[in-house]
Protein backbone atom coordinates (compact mmCIF):
# COMPACT_ATOMS: atom_id res chain seq x y z
CA MET A 1 0.00 0.00 0.15
CA MET A 2 2.99 2.40 1.00
CA CYS A 3 4.63 1.95 -2.55
CA MET A 4 1.53 2.03 -4.42
CA ALA A 5 0.36 5.58 -3.69
CA PRO A 6 4.27 7.74 -5.14
CA LEU A 7 4.11 4.89 -8.13
CA PHE A 8 0.01 5.96 -8.76
CA ALA A 9 0.69 9.84 -8.37
CA ALA A 10 4.22 10.14 -10.28
CA GLY A 11 2.91 7.78 -13.43
CA VAL A 12 -0.35 10.45 -12.85
CA GLY A 13 1.51 13.55 -12.89
CA ARG A 14 3.89 12.17 -16.00
CA LEU A 15 0.58 11.21 -17.95
CA SER A 16 -1.07 14.75 -17.67
CA GLN A 17 2.43 16.24 -19.27
CA GLY A 18 1.33 14.04 -22.43
CA SER A 19 -1.20 14.41 -24.79
CA ALA A 20 -4.19 13.78 -23.73
CA GLY A 21 -8.46 14.93 -23.24
CA ILE A 22 -11.77 13.32 -22.62
CA ALA A 23 -12.41 13.56 -26.20
CA THR A 24 -10.06 13.24 -29.46
CA VAL A 25 -11.71 15.85 -32.06
CA ALA A 26 -10.23 15.64 -36.22
CA LEU A 27 -9.42 18.87 -37.70
CA TYR A 28 -9.69 19.56 -41.19
CA LEU A 29 -8.67 23.22 -42.23
CA PRO A 30 -8.58 24.89 -45.71
CA GLU A 31 -5.43 25.69 -46.73
CA GLY A 32 -4.93 29.81 -47.43
CA ASP A 33 -8.02 30.75 -45.29
CA GLU A 34 -6.84 32.97 -42.53
CA THR A 35 -9.98 33.29 -40.70
CA ALA A 36 -9.99 29.74 -40.63
CA ALA A 37 -5.97 29.36 -39.45
CA GLU A 38 -7.47 32.17 -36.66
CA ILE A 39 -10.03 29.65 -35.23
CA SER A 40 -7.96 27.09 -35.65
CA GLU A 41 -4.95 28.86 -33.33
CA ARG A 42 -7.49 29.53 -30.68
CA LEU A 43 -8.40 26.21 -30.00
CA LEU A 44 -5.05 24.57 -29.73
CA ASP A 45 -3.73 27.45 -28.13
CA GLY A 46 -3.06 26.45 -24.71
CA ASP A 47 -4.37 23.72 -22.23
CA SER A 48 -7.28 21.84 -23.30
CA VAL A 49 -10.23 19.11 -22.09
CA LEU A 50 -9.86 17.50 -26.37
CA ARG A 51 -7.34 15.87 -27.79
CA TYR A 52 -7.06 17.33 -31.35
CA LEU A 53 -5.92 15.47 -34.98
CA SER A 54 -4.79 17.76 -37.93
CA CYS A 55 -6.20 16.35 -41.01
CA GLY A 56 -4.79 16.99 -44.19
CA LYS A 57 -8.29 16.11 -46.22
CA GLU A 58 -11.83 15.90 -45.65
CA ASP A 59 -12.61 12.34 -46.26
CA GLU A 60 -9.53 11.74 -43.75
CA ALA A 61 -10.66 13.81 -41.18
CA ARG A 62 -14.70 11.75 -41.60
CA ALA A 63 -12.52 8.49 -41.62
CA LEU A 64 -10.89 8.68 -38.13
CA VAL A 65 -14.57 9.29 -36.81
CA GLU A 66 -15.66 5.92 -38.80
CA SER A 67 -12.96 4.15 -37.28
CA GLY A 68 -13.35 5.10 -33.65
CA GLU A 69 -10.18 7.08 -34.02
CA ALA A 70 -11.48 10.26 -33.32
CA ASP A 71 -14.89 11.04 -31.59
CA ALA A 72 -15.80 14.03 -33.50
CA ALA A 73 -14.04 15.84 -36.80
CA TRP A 74 -14.79 19.57 -37.56
CA ILE A 75 -14.70 20.29 -41.24
CA PHE A 76 -13.92 23.77 -41.96
CA ALA A 77 -15.76 25.33 -44.74
CA GLU A 78 -13.11 26.59 -47.79
CA ASP A 79 -14.74 29.53 -47.51
CA MET A 80 -15.02 30.25 -44.07
CA GLU A 81 -14.81 34.29 -44.56
CA GLU A 82 -17.16 34.71 -46.77
CA ARG A 83 -19.64 32.56 -45.01
CA LEU A 84 -18.94 34.34 -41.69
CA GLY A 85 -19.62 37.72 -43.33
CA GLU A 86 -22.81 36.49 -45.34
CA LEU A 87 -23.88 35.46 -41.75
CA ALA A 88 -23.05 38.72 -40.09
CA GLU A 89 -24.94 40.57 -42.73
CA ARG A 90 -27.88 38.05 -42.24
CA ARG A 91 -28.03 37.61 -46.13
CA ARG A 92 -27.72 33.71 -45.70
CA VAL A 93 -26.86 30.88 -43.53
CA ARG A 94 -24.76 28.15 -44.29
CA PRO A 95 -23.00 26.06 -42.25
CA VAL A 96 -19.43 27.23 -41.02
CA VAL A 97 -18.03 24.46 -39.40
CA THR A 98 -19.42 20.62 -40.41
CA VAL A 99 -19.40 18.50 -36.85
CA VAL A 100 -19.37 14.67 -37.93
CA GLU A 101 -19.83 12.86 -34.63
CA ARG A 102 -20.71 8.65 -33.94
CA ARG A 103 -23.03 9.61 -31.20
CA ASP A 104 -23.30 12.49 -29.32
CA SER A 105 -22.01 12.41 -25.19
CA VAL A 106 -21.46 15.31 -22.63
CA PRO A 107 -17.67 15.50 -23.76
CA LEU A 108 -19.01 16.37 -27.14
CA THR A 109 -21.46 18.91 -26.21
CA LEU A 110 -18.43 20.44 -24.37
CA GLY A 111 -16.66 20.57 -27.54
CA ARG A 112 -19.15 22.14 -29.54
CA GLU A 113 -19.27 24.78 -27.07
CA ILE A 114 -15.68 24.97 -27.47
CA LEU A 115 -15.78 25.38 -31.09
CA ALA A 116 -18.55 28.47 -30.56
CA ALA A 117 -15.88 29.86 -28.56
CA ALA A 118 -13.65 29.95 -30.66
CA ILE A 119 -15.65 31.08 -33.70
CA TYR A 120 -17.18 34.00 -31.94
CA PRO A 121 -14.74 36.17 -31.93
CA SER A 122 -14.07 36.25 -35.72
CA TYR A 123 -17.54 36.29 -36.46
CA SER A 124 -18.39 39.49 -34.24
CA TYR A 125 -15.19 41.54 -36.33
CA ALA A 126 -17.37 39.96 -38.90
CA VAL A 127 -20.87 42.01 -37.65
CA TYR A 128 -18.50 45.31 -36.83
CA GLU A 129 -16.86 44.94 -40.28
CA GLY A 130 -20.12 45.32 -41.31
CA TYR A 131 -21.82 47.57 -39.83
CA VAL A 132 -19.24 49.83 -40.12
CA ARG A 133 -18.55 49.98 -43.83
CA GLY A 134 -22.76 49.19 -44.37
CA ALA A 135 -24.65 50.96 -42.10
CA LEU A 136 -21.73 53.72 -41.74
CA GLY A 137 -21.04 54.23 -45.10
CA MET A 138 -17.24 53.71 -44.08
CA GLU A 139 -16.76 51.29 -47.10
CA GLU A 140 -13.03 53.56 -47.90
CA ALA A 141 -11.87 52.59 -44.29
CA SER A 142 -9.00 50.46 -44.15
CA GLU A 143 -9.05 46.77 -42.93
CA GLU A 144 -5.80 47.75 -40.76
CA LYS A 145 -7.84 51.31 -39.27
CA LEU A 146 -10.73 48.77 -38.44
CA ARG A 147 -9.22 45.99 -36.79
CA ALA A 148 -7.18 48.96 -34.66
CA VAL A 149 -10.51 50.58 -33.44
CA TYR A 150 -12.12 46.88 -32.68
CA GLU A 151 -9.06 45.55 -30.89
CA SER A 152 -8.83 48.51 -28.62
CA VAL A 153 -12.40 47.76 -27.05
CA ALA A 154 -12.08 44.30 -26.93
CA VAL A 155 -12.81 42.43 -24.13
CA GLU A 156 -9.68 40.73 -23.07
CA GLY A 157 -9.40 38.18 -20.35
CA SER A 158 -11.86 35.99 -18.32
CA LEU A 159 -15.24 37.66 -16.93
CA PHE A 160 -14.89 35.33 -13.76
CA GLN A 161 -11.98 35.13 -11.36
CA MET A 162 -11.69 32.13 -9.33
CA VAL A 163 -10.60 32.57 -5.38
CA TYR A 164 -10.88 29.95 -3.14
CA PRO A 165 -12.01 30.93 0.81
CA ASP A 166 -8.51 31.26 2.31
CA GLN A 167 -8.04 34.02 -0.74
CA THR A 168 -5.70 31.80 -2.98
CA PRO A 169 -6.22 32.42 -6.34
CA GLY A 170 -7.66 29.78 -8.94
CA GLU A 171 -4.70 29.79 -11.28
CA THR A 172 -1.79 29.22 -8.77
CA GLU A 173 -3.07 25.64 -8.93
CA ASP A 174 -2.08 24.50 -12.60
CA TYR A 175 -3.15 21.11 -13.18
CA SER A 176 -5.27 19.02 -15.37
CA TYR A 177 -8.57 17.71 -15.20
CA VAL A 178 -6.35 14.07 -15.12
CA GLN A 179 -4.56 15.35 -12.07
CA ALA A 180 -7.39 16.69 -10.17
CA PRO A 181 -8.94 14.27 -8.50
CA LEU A 182 -5.85 12.37 -7.23
CA ARG A 183 -5.49 14.51 -3.43
CA GLY A 184 -9.17 12.94 -3.24
CA ILE A 185 -7.93 9.04 -4.31
CA LEU A 186 -5.19 9.60 -1.43
CA ALA A 187 -7.25 10.99 1.19
CA ILE A 188 -9.01 7.33 0.98
CA TRP A 189 -6.18 5.68 0.59
CA LEU A 190 -5.01 7.09 4.05
CA THR A 191 -8.26 6.21 5.27
CA PHE A 192 -7.47 2.48 4.38
CA CYS A 193 -4.21 2.48 5.79
CA GLY A 194 -5.89 3.50 8.86
CA LEU A 195 -8.48 0.64 8.75
CA ALA A 196 -5.13 -1.83 7.65
CA GLY A 197 -3.68 -0.88 10.89
CA ALA A 198 -7.06 -1.54 13.07
CA LEU A 199 -7.19 -4.62 11.40
CA TRP A 200 -3.75 -5.68 12.05
CA PHE A 201 -4.16 -4.58 15.83
CA MET A 202 -7.33 -7.18 16.29
CA GLN A 203 -5.32 -9.90 14.92
CA ASP A 204 -2.34 -9.57 17.17
CA GLU A 205 -5.37 -9.37 19.93
CA GLU A 206 -6.66 -12.25 18.88
CA ARG A 207 -3.03 -14.12 18.76
CA GLY A 208 -2.60 -12.56 22.57
CA VAL A 209 0.18 -10.21 21.56
CA TYR A 210 -1.41 -7.65 23.89
CA GLY A 211 -2.96 -10.41 26.56
CA ARG A 212 -0.32 -8.25 29.22
CA VAL A 213 -1.93 -4.51 28.54
CA PRO A 214 -4.71 -3.92 30.78
CA MET A 215 -8.29 -3.42 28.88
CA ALA A 216 -8.51 -0.30 30.22
CA LYS A 217 -5.29 0.53 28.49
CA ARG A 218 -6.00 -1.07 24.79
CA LEU A 219 -7.21 2.05 23.25
CA ALA A 220 -4.41 3.63 23.68
CA ALA A 221 -2.68 1.00 22.56
CA SER A 222 -4.82 0.92 19.52
CA TYR A 223 -3.90 4.27 18.74
CA GLY A 224 -0.47 3.72 18.78
CA ALA A 225 -0.22 0.79 16.59
CA CYS A 226 -2.85 2.53 13.84
CA GLY A 227 -0.41 5.88 14.46
CA VAL A 228 2.77 3.91 13.33
CA PHE A 229 0.45 2.87 9.84
CA LEU A 230 -0.51 6.67 9.63
CA ALA A 231 2.60 8.26 10.46
CA ASP A 232 4.45 6.96 6.98
CA ALA A 233 1.05 6.48 4.78
CA SER A 234 1.21 10.36 5.76
CA VAL A 235 5.04 10.94 4.69
CA VAL A 236 4.03 8.87 1.66
CA LEU A 237 0.91 11.19 0.73
CA LEU A 238 2.72 14.34 1.18
CA LEU A 239 5.10 12.84 -1.00
CA SER A 240 2.90 11.30 -3.65
CA VAL A 241 0.96 15.00 -3.75
CA LYS A 242 4.16 16.71 -4.59
CA LEU A 243 4.82 14.14 -7.56
CA SER A 244 1.40 14.59 -8.74
CA GLY A 245 1.40 18.28 -9.06
CA VAL A 246 -1.17 19.20 -7.05
CA PHE A 247 1.23 20.40 -3.57
CA THR A 248 -0.18 24.37 -2.82
CA ASP A 249 2.18 24.89 0.58
CA TRP A 250 4.23 23.25 2.81
CA LYS A 251 2.84 24.37 5.91
CA LYS A 252 -1.29 24.28 4.70
CA GLU A 253 -0.19 20.63 3.49
CA VAL A 254 1.27 19.60 7.14
CA VAL A 255 -1.10 21.14 9.28
CA SER A 256 -3.74 19.72 7.09
CA CYS A 257 -2.16 16.21 6.90
CA ALA A 258 -1.62 16.20 10.12
CA VAL A 259 -4.76 16.74 11.78
CA PHE A 260 -6.34 14.19 9.10
CA VAL A 261 -4.12 11.46 10.06
CA LEU A 262 -5.68 11.99 13.87
CA CYS A 263 -9.15 12.38 12.58
CA VAL A 264 -8.50 9.28 10.51
CA THR A 265 -6.70 7.34 13.84
CA ALA A 266 -9.94 8.26 15.90
CA PHE A 267 -12.52 7.04 13.24
CA VAL A 268 -10.98 3.40 12.30
CA ASN A 269 -10.45 2.89 15.76
CA LEU A 270 -14.37 3.67 16.67
CA LEU A 271 -15.08 1.65 13.54
CA ARG A 272 -13.20 -1.10 14.86
CA LEU A 273 -14.95 -0.83 18.72
CA LEU A 274 -18.37 -0.84 16.77
CA CYS A 275 -17.25 -3.95 14.53
CA ARG A 276 -15.52 -5.63 17.04
CA THR A 277 -14.30 -8.77 14.83
CA PRO A 278 -11.79 -8.33 11.65
CA GLN A 279 -14.30 -9.90 9.70
CA LYS A 280 -16.98 -7.44 10.74
CA LEU A 281 -14.77 -4.96 10.07
CA GLY A 282 -13.73 -6.44 7.23
CA VAL A 283 -17.19 -6.56 5.74
CA THR A 284 -17.65 -2.91 5.37
CA LEU A 285 -14.26 -2.09 3.47
CA LEU A 286 -16.00 -1.91 -0.02
CA PRO A 287 -19.51 0.04 1.49
CA LEU A 288 -17.61 2.69 2.84
CA LEU A 289 -14.84 2.52 0.17
CA ALA A 290 -18.22 3.47 -2.34
CA VAL A 291 -19.56 5.83 0.64
CA MET A 292 -16.16 8.02 0.39
CA LEU A 293 -16.08 8.04 -3.43
CA ALA A 294 -19.70 8.91 -4.18
CA LEU A 295 -19.70 11.59 -1.18
CA CYS A 296 -15.98 13.30 -0.96
CA PRO A 297 -15.23 15.71 -3.43
CA VAL A 298 -13.21 13.65 -5.49
CA PHE A 299 -14.22 13.02 -8.88
CA LEU A 300 -17.74 14.71 -8.30
CA ASN A 301 -19.08 17.11 -5.79
CA LEU A 302 -22.39 16.71 -4.78
CA GLN A 303 -24.70 19.28 -3.03
CA HIS A 304 -26.71 16.62 -1.07
CA PHE A 305 -26.16 14.39 1.28
CA ARG A 306 -24.38 16.82 3.71
CA ALA A 307 -25.11 15.03 6.92
CA GLY A 308 -22.99 12.01 4.80
CA LYS A 309 -20.25 13.83 4.50
CA LEU A 310 -19.89 15.21 7.92
CA LEU A 311 -19.19 11.46 8.88
CA LEU A 312 -16.13 10.94 6.81
CA PRO A 313 -12.96 12.41 7.69
CA PRO A 314 -11.91 12.67 3.69
CA TRP A 315 -14.31 15.33 3.33
CA TYR A 316 -12.89 17.77 5.91
CA TYR A 317 -9.41 16.99 4.65
CA LEU A 318 -10.48 17.96 0.85
CA GLN A 319 -12.11 20.65 2.56
CA SER A 320 -9.54 22.26 4.31
CA VAL A 321 -6.93 22.24 2.24
CA HIS A 322 -8.33 25.53 1.04
CA ASN A 323 -10.49 26.43 4.16
CA VAL A 324 -9.10 27.09 6.97
CA ARG A 325 -12.54 26.58 8.85
CA TYR A 326 -12.48 23.11 7.73
CA LEU A 327 -9.42 22.30 9.39
CA TYR A 328 -11.41 23.59 12.75
CA LEU A 329 -14.64 21.42 12.03
CA MET A 330 -11.89 18.42 11.23
CA ALA A 331 -10.03 18.64 14.73
CA ALA A 332 -13.32 19.34 16.49
CA TYR A 333 -14.84 16.26 14.90
CA THR A 334 -11.24 14.16 15.86
CA LEU A 335 -12.43 14.79 19.50
CA VAL A 336 -16.01 13.95 19.28
CA LEU A 337 -14.71 10.29 17.30
CA ALA A 338 -12.07 10.29 20.32
CA ALA A 339 -14.63 11.19 23.20
CA LEU A 340 -16.89 8.20 21.56
CA GLY A 341 -14.09 6.19 21.33
CA LEU A 342 -13.10 5.92 25.24
CA LEU A 343 -16.90 5.63 26.01
CA LEU A 344 -17.92 2.54 24.25
CA GLN A 345 -14.61 0.84 25.38
CA ARG A 346 -15.19 1.86 28.72
CA LEU A 347 -18.93 0.13 28.70
CA LEU A 348 -17.39 -2.72 26.58
CA ASN A 349 -15.10 -3.11 29.81
CA ARG A 350 -17.76 -3.18 31.91
CA ARG A 351 -19.39 -5.76 30.07
CA ALA A 352 -16.23 -8.06 29.86
CA GLY A 353 -15.78 -7.28 33.81
């Protein structure tokens, strides 16, 4: 388990540097069309959730879709600039890009939105140019002057700015969608390391390893045994987060991870006391994994089932990285778990006595 996490993190980090995407699109661009070249430059500029394949012929792009090598083909019209001009003047509507798909899906729907966003600046300029030359009668205005005026008032950048509750700008976390769920996966992995430590303690207890430890001190012994597992796992988690490229700040990472380790220790020991046998605790592993994957913000951040989320240590940890409020909540939750564990241990000791 210890070797799996850093190897997996390093592999994901390496994978994110390669060519990847949620969908593959075959692009056919006619030669010599400046408008089509501008649109394709917007599509290919920077990181994208789509993977693009350039094609020299329209038939080649269609063939890639038919063979399954591409999820869609975007075939640009040969007279792109002319068609955008006609569309801007509302003389006639002819398709500027032909989209070929085998079947529709959510990634392809997102892809069409990306395509529309890339086309819009060219369409916007065509509307502006048509208005200036037609409605204003400035037919003799040069292309350079029109373009300069247009660029001087064009809105650049994003209309929105993402900021985390701790005032960390969203742009500081520059990682791909491939890396995004890794922290959540590692948080669940560390929880299972704690469960493995609890199972190991229960098996040792059945074999009589702790026979000389009084029942009143068994809970402390269990905390120590699980703590050894989780101390190593916490170092591996921090190393894995660093290797994967989703690391934020040393102080923030270490403090959140330390409180998370204490929370997991209290959580798995309470679960151990409730189950009482290794067999019963083992039965809970798969349902617990499914619940954590569903409710914790690993792949999706569901807005419902808040009561269920509050019972899961990984949820607090994932929220605490950018919101110190959840760090305090995780500490309070740890104290509640420890108090419940102590109470339950005393009840079990009385029954055994």
